[in-house]
Every structure is written in structure tokens, then in C-alpha cells.
Amino acid sequence: MTISMRFIPALRSALFLPFLLLGPWMTPRSWAARYFVDCSRSTAGNGSQDSPWNAPDAVSARSFQPRDVIAFRRGTVCHGSLSLHGSGTLAERIRLTAWGEGVRPRIVAGKSDTEALLLKNGAYWQIDSLDIAGGTTYGLLVTGDRDKVQSHITLRNL
């Protein structure tokens, strides 16, 4: 069988088109949202590195998705408790960490806060490089409802 040379570009287009149309849905999400917190800032920003949030409650108000990264600025102290929402997946965890130079960022719970950091009904989180203090009962609490599975929680350098 011989294919005429004038049909080759059309054949190439016909074979490539399904990959072009289905590509975004066939592959895992290739991007991740990155959120930044700098508690030394006097005004709250939008969570970007150039305009970071300035308090833990900005993080507590959000639900995070697989591959998201929340980073607290090193050398700063954040007052208040931090509550994490959302779950990652085995292939795409959510990460809470530090950014910049200096000592680990410190999260200090208030005198009436039960815990400094709470992760409830979340899975596939990596929490690292933070200094967590305070809380009337717990410093860091990972818990959940009986019908929810909490698994693959990684805690490092806390």
C-alpha cells in the first residue's frame, strides 16, 4: 500500500488532534498553587510571595488542594492558631513549610487556643521546618472523624 505524499500532513494532523484535545485531562495537574505568609508585614496581602498573607488565620480560612505549598517566612513569629484544611493524594501531597533565610518560622498559639496547629480530616500532608509553640492542650494535633481516614501525614524538622 502506498500513501500519496499529499495526504501525509493531513494524516499527521488527524493523529495529533486527539492528543492535543485530551492532553490536559489525561495528565496529572502539572502546576501547584504557592502561598506565602510573612507575619512581620503590617498589612495582609493576597498570599503571593510579593504580597504575602500576614497572619495564620489567612491560611486557616482556605482549603488546599493536592500539590499546593504554604510557606511561612523564616525568622518571623506568627501569633494565633493555625488550622489546615484539604487533602492531597499519594502522588500529590500538600506541603506546609518555611521559605527564605534564617531560623524556622515560629507559630505561637494564644492562651485560649487548644492547639497551635490543627490538621483535622486531612490526608497526604507534609509539614516541615516550623517552630510550633503554645496551645492549652496540644502543640500540634492531627485528628479526624471516625469515618474519615487520616494517612500519610509526614512531620519533619519541627
C-alpha atoms as a PDB file:
ATOM      1  CA  MET A   1       0.000   0.000   0.000  1.00  0.00           C
ATOM      2  CA  THR A   2       1.328   3.387  -0.948  1.00  0.00           C
ATOM      3  CA  ILE A   3       0.283   6.666   0.692  1.00  0.00           C
ATOM      4  CA  SER A   4       0.312   9.679  -1.500  1.00  0.00           C
ATOM      5  CA  MET A   5       2.707  12.379  -0.234  1.00  0.00           C
ATOM      6  CA  ARG A   6      -0.027  14.999  -0.324  1.00  0.00           C
ATOM      7  CA  PHE A   7      -2.022  13.153   2.393  1.00  0.00           C
ATOM      8  CA  ILE A   8       0.819  12.965   4.938  1.00  0.00           C
ATOM      9  CA  PRO A   9       0.231  16.448   6.500  1.00  0.00           C
ATOM     10  CA  ALA A  10      -3.490  15.680   6.859  1.00  0.00           C
ATOM     11  CA  LEU A  11      -2.693  12.271   8.370  1.00  0.00           C
ATOM     12  CA  ARG A  12      -0.276  13.855  10.865  1.00  0.00           C
ATOM     13  CA  SER A  13      -2.930  16.392  11.897  1.00  0.00           C
ATOM     14  CA  ALA A  14      -5.559  13.683  12.313  1.00  0.00           C
ATOM     15  CA  LEU A  15      -3.259  11.653  14.573  1.00  0.00           C
ATOM     16  CA  PHE A  16      -2.112  14.659  16.629  1.00  0.00           C
ATOM     17  CA  LEU A  17      -5.519  16.274  17.211  1.00  0.00           C
ATOM     18  CA  PRO A  18      -6.813  13.760  19.834  1.00  0.00           C
ATOM     19  CA  PHE A  19      -3.650  14.196  21.923  1.00  0.00           C
ATOM     20  CA  LEU A  20      -3.961  17.968  21.705  1.00  0.00           C
ATOM     21  CA  LEU A  21      -7.609  17.954  22.800  1.00  0.00           C
ATOM     22  CA  LEU A  22      -7.335  15.304  25.517  1.00  0.00           C
ATOM     23  CA  GLY A  23      -3.865  16.169  26.799  1.00  0.00           C
ATOM     24  CA  PRO A  24      -4.883  18.418  29.718  1.00  0.00           C
ATOM     25  CA  TRP A  25      -7.320  15.801  31.046  1.00  0.00           C
ATOM     26  CA  MET A  26      -5.071  12.797  30.536  1.00  0.00           C
ATOM     27  CA  THR A  27      -2.126  14.087  32.569  1.00  0.00           C
ATOM     28  CA  PRO A  28      -1.919  14.954  36.265  1.00  0.00           C
ATOM     29  CA  ARG A  29      -2.057  18.605  37.248  1.00  0.00           C
ATOM     30  CA  SER A  30       1.364  19.979  36.377  1.00  0.00           C
ATOM     31  CA  TRP A  31       1.113  23.147  38.483  1.00  0.00           C
ATOM     32  CA  ALA A  32       0.686  23.884  42.127  1.00  0.00           C
ATOM     33  CA  ALA A  33      -0.527  26.968  43.915  1.00  0.00           C
ATOM     34  CA  ARG A  34       2.096  28.523  46.177  1.00  0.00           C
ATOM     35  CA  TYR A  35       1.007  30.623  49.129  1.00  0.00           C
ATOM     36  CA  PHE A  36       3.287  32.745  51.321  1.00  0.00           C
ATOM     37  CA  VAL A  37       2.893  34.047  54.874  1.00  0.00           C
ATOM     38  CA  ASP A  38       5.071  36.773  56.419  1.00  0.00           C
ATOM     39  CA  CYS A  39       3.808  37.698  59.886  1.00  0.00           C
ATOM     40  CA  SER A  40       6.230  40.634  60.109  1.00  0.00           C
ATOM     41  CA  ARG A  41       4.144  42.504  57.500  1.00  0.00           C
ATOM     42  CA  SER A  42       1.768  45.148  58.822  1.00  0.00           C
ATOM     43  CA  THR A  43      -0.822  44.630  56.076  1.00  0.00           C
ATOM     44  CA  ALA A  44      -2.370  41.489  54.669  1.00  0.00           C
ATOM     45  CA  GLY A  45      -1.600  40.641  51.081  1.00  0.00           C
ATOM     46  CA  ASN A  46      -3.029  38.178  48.576  1.00  0.00           C
ATOM     47  CA  GLY A  47      -0.778  35.239  49.536  1.00  0.00           C
ATOM     48  CA  SER A  48       1.775  35.712  46.754  1.00  0.00           C
ATOM     49  CA  GLN A  49       5.491  35.967  47.515  1.00  0.00           C
ATOM     50  CA  ASP A  50       5.458  39.688  46.674  1.00  0.00           C
ATOM     51  CA  SER A  51       2.326  40.312  48.771  1.00  0.00           C
ATOM     52  CA  PRO A  52       2.160  37.558  51.421  1.00  0.00           C
ATOM     53  CA  TRP A  53      -0.540  36.983  53.984  1.00  0.00           C
ATOM     54  CA  ASN A  54       0.436  38.321  57.404  1.00  0.00           C
ATOM     55  CA  ALA A  55      -1.373  36.007  59.860  1.00  0.00           C
ATOM     56  CA  PRO A  56      -2.185  32.311  60.361  1.00  0.00           C
ATOM     57  CA  ASP A  57      -5.931  32.979  60.066  1.00  0.00           C
ATOM     58  CA  ALA A  58      -5.487  33.697  56.340  1.00  0.00           C
ATOM     59  CA  VAL A  59      -4.241  30.115  55.943  1.00  0.00           C
ATOM     60  CA  SER A  60      -6.962  28.727  58.218  1.00  0.00           C
ATOM     61  CA  ALA A  61      -9.637  30.317  56.019  1.00  0.00           C
ATOM     62  CA  ARG A  62      -8.597  28.315  52.928  1.00  0.00           C
ATOM     63  CA  SER A  63      -8.980  24.721  51.794  1.00  0.00           C
ATOM     64  CA  PHE A  64      -5.880  23.466  49.988  1.00  0.00           C
ATOM     65  CA  GLN A  65      -5.574  21.133  47.022  1.00  0.00           C
ATOM     66  CA  PRO A  66      -3.037  18.466  46.028  1.00  0.00           C
ATOM     67  CA  ARG A  67       0.429  19.935  45.226  1.00  0.00           C
ATOM     68  CA  ASP A  68      -0.282  23.244  46.983  1.00  0.00           C
ATOM     69  CA  VAL A  69       2.549  24.699  49.068  1.00  0.00           C
ATOM     70  CA  ILE A  70       2.048  27.048  52.012  1.00  0.00           C
ATOM     71  CA  ALA A  71       5.306  28.675  53.153  1.00  0.00           C
ATOM     72  CA  PHE A  72       5.915  30.803  56.255  1.00  0.00           C
ATOM     73  CA  ARG A  73       8.794  33.272  56.118  1.00  0.00           C
ATOM     74  CA  ARG A  74      11.844  32.256  58.155  1.00  0.00           C
ATOM     75  CA  GLY A  75      12.826  34.499  61.046  1.00  0.00           C
ATOM     76  CA  THR A  76       9.241  35.597  61.777  1.00  0.00           C
ATOM     77  CA  VAL A  77       6.788  34.916  64.608  1.00  0.00           C
ATOM     78  CA  CYS A  78       3.079  34.372  63.909  1.00  0.00           C
ATOM     79  CA  HIS A  79       0.616  34.682  66.787  1.00  0.00           C
ATOM     80  CA  GLY A  80      -2.568  32.605  66.736  1.00  0.00           C
ATOM     81  CA  SER A  81      -3.526  29.043  65.974  1.00  0.00           C
ATOM     82  CA  LEU A  82      -3.314  27.505  62.527  1.00  0.00           C
ATOM     83  CA  SER A  83      -5.985  25.125  61.196  1.00  0.00           C
ATOM     84  CA  LEU A  84      -5.249  23.235  57.973  1.00  0.00           C
ATOM     85  CA  HIS A  85      -7.977  22.158  55.540  1.00  0.00           C
ATOM     86  CA  GLY A  86      -7.875  19.921  52.480  1.00  0.00           C
ATOM     87  CA  SER A  87      -6.191  16.695  51.415  1.00  0.00           C
ATOM     88  CA  GLY A  88      -3.523  15.765  48.944  1.00  0.00           C
ATOM     89  CA  THR A  89      -3.095  12.444  47.174  1.00  0.00           C
ATOM     90  CA  LEU A  90      -0.400   9.768  47.230  1.00  0.00           C
ATOM     91  CA  ALA A  91       1.248  11.317  44.176  1.00  0.00           C
ATOM     92  CA  GLU A  92       0.498  14.964  45.024  1.00  0.00           C
ATOM     93  CA  ARG A  93       0.853  15.938  48.670  1.00  0.00           C
ATOM     94  CA  ILE A  94       0.147  19.324  50.229  1.00  0.00           C
ATOM     95  CA  ARG A  95       3.168  20.904  51.906  1.00  0.00           C
ATOM     96  CA  LEU A  96       3.375  23.342  54.825  1.00  0.00           C
ATOM     97  CA  THR A  97       6.939  24.616  55.134  1.00  0.00           C
ATOM     98  CA  ALA A  98       9.289  27.604  55.512  1.00  0.00           C
ATOM     99  CA  TRP A  99      10.850  29.953  52.948  1.00  0.00           C
ATOM    100  CA  GLY A 100      13.691  32.449  52.963  1.00  0.00           C
ATOM    101  CA  GLU A 101      16.799  32.660  55.125  1.00  0.00           C
ATOM    102  CA  GLY A 102      17.165  32.386  58.907  1.00  0.00           C
ATOM    103  CA  VAL A 103      15.632  30.412  61.738  1.00  0.00           C
ATOM    104  CA  ARG A 104      12.443  28.431  61.366  1.00  0.00           C
ATOM    105  CA  PRO A 105       9.249  30.497  61.433  1.00  0.00           C
ATOM    106  CA  ARG A 106       7.503  30.312  64.781  1.00  0.00           C
ATOM    107  CA  ILE A 107       3.757  29.796  65.213  1.00  0.00           C
ATOM    108  CA  VAL A 108       2.688  30.705  68.750  1.00  0.00           C
ATOM    109  CA  ALA A 109      -0.837  29.847  69.864  1.00  0.00           C
ATOM    110  CA  GLY A 110      -2.743  32.222  72.109  1.00  0.00           C
ATOM    111  CA  LYS A 111      -3.508  31.461  75.763  1.00  0.00           C
ATOM    112  CA  SER A 112      -7.050  30.366  74.920  1.00  0.00           C
ATOM    113  CA  ASP A 113      -6.128  28.223  71.868  1.00  0.00           C
ATOM    114  CA  THR A 114      -6.379  24.460  72.396  1.00  0.00           C
ATOM    115  CA  GLU A 115      -3.622  23.808  69.862  1.00  0.00           C
ATOM    116  CA  ALA A 116      -1.090  25.792  67.846  1.00  0.00           C
ATOM    117  CA  LEU A 117      -1.571  23.715  64.694  1.00  0.00           C
ATOM    118  CA  LEU A 118      -4.577  21.548  63.835  1.00  0.00           C
ATOM    119  CA  LEU A 119      -4.976  19.134  60.931  1.00  0.00           C
ATOM    120  CA  LYS A 120      -8.435  17.547  61.025  1.00  0.00           C
ATOM    121  CA  ASN A 121      -9.751  15.099  58.407  1.00  0.00           C
ATOM    122  CA  GLY A 122      -6.769  15.720  56.152  1.00  0.00           C
ATOM    123  CA  ALA A 123      -4.500  13.243  54.415  1.00  0.00           C
ATOM    124  CA  TYR A 124      -1.282  13.382  52.393  1.00  0.00           C
ATOM    125  CA  TRP A 125       0.259  16.411  54.092  1.00  0.00           C
ATOM    126  CA  GLN A 126       3.939  17.151  54.622  1.00  0.00           C
ATOM    127  CA  ILE A 127       4.579  19.599  57.467  1.00  0.00           C
ATOM    128  CA  ASP A 128       8.189  20.636  57.977  1.00  0.00           C
ATOM    129  CA  SER A 129      10.654  23.322  59.078  1.00  0.00           C
ATOM    130  CA  LEU A 130       8.398  25.132  61.576  1.00  0.00           C
ATOM    131  CA  ASP A 131       8.706  26.033  65.262  1.00  0.00           C
ATOM    132  CA  ILE A 132       5.328  25.391  66.899  1.00  0.00           C
ATOM    133  CA  ALA A 133       4.598  26.651  70.421  1.00  0.00           C
ATOM    134  CA  GLY A 134       1.707  27.171  72.798  1.00  0.00           C
ATOM    135  CA  GLY A 135      -1.734  25.648  72.952  1.00  0.00           C
ATOM    136  CA  THR A 136      -3.511  24.815  76.190  1.00  0.00           C
ATOM    137  CA  THR A 137      -3.643  21.094  75.404  1.00  0.00           C
ATOM    138  CA  TYR A 138      -1.674  20.356  72.217  1.00  0.00           C
ATOM    139  CA  GLY A 139       1.129  21.922  70.233  1.00  0.00           C
ATOM    140  CA  LEU A 140       0.230  20.030  67.065  1.00  0.00           C
ATOM    141  CA  LEU A 141      -2.940  17.955  66.762  1.00  0.00           C
ATOM    142  CA  VAL A 142      -3.706  15.568  63.894  1.00  0.00           C
ATOM    143  CA  THR A 143      -7.214  14.175  64.308  1.00  0.00           C
ATOM    144  CA  GLY A 144     -10.357  13.297  62.431  1.00  0.00           C
ATOM    145  CA  ASP A 145     -13.855  11.988  62.484  1.00  0.00           C
ATOM    146  CA  ARG A 146     -14.295   8.228  62.894  1.00  0.00           C
ATOM    147  CA  ASP A 147     -15.471   7.772  59.300  1.00  0.00           C
ATOM    148  CA  LYS A 148     -12.521   9.739  57.857  1.00  0.00           C
ATOM    149  CA  VAL A 149      -9.097   8.277  57.179  1.00  0.00           C
ATOM    150  CA  GLN A 150      -6.024  10.284  58.108  1.00  0.00           C
ATOM    151  CA  SER A 151      -3.000   8.786  56.446  1.00  0.00           C
ATOM    152  CA  HIS A 152       0.336   9.761  55.001  1.00  0.00           C
ATOM    153  CA  ILE A 153       0.978  12.699  57.334  1.00  0.00           C
ATOM    154  CA  THR A 154       4.706  13.484  57.324  1.00  0.00           C
ATOM    155  CA  LEU A 155       6.165  15.632  60.116  1.00  0.00           C
ATOM    156  CA  ARG A 156       9.814  16.752  59.822  1.00  0.00           C
ATOM    157  CA  ASN A 157      12.114  19.277  61.457  1.00  0.00           C
ATOM    158  CA  LEU A 158       9.517  20.691  63.842  1.00  0.00           C
END
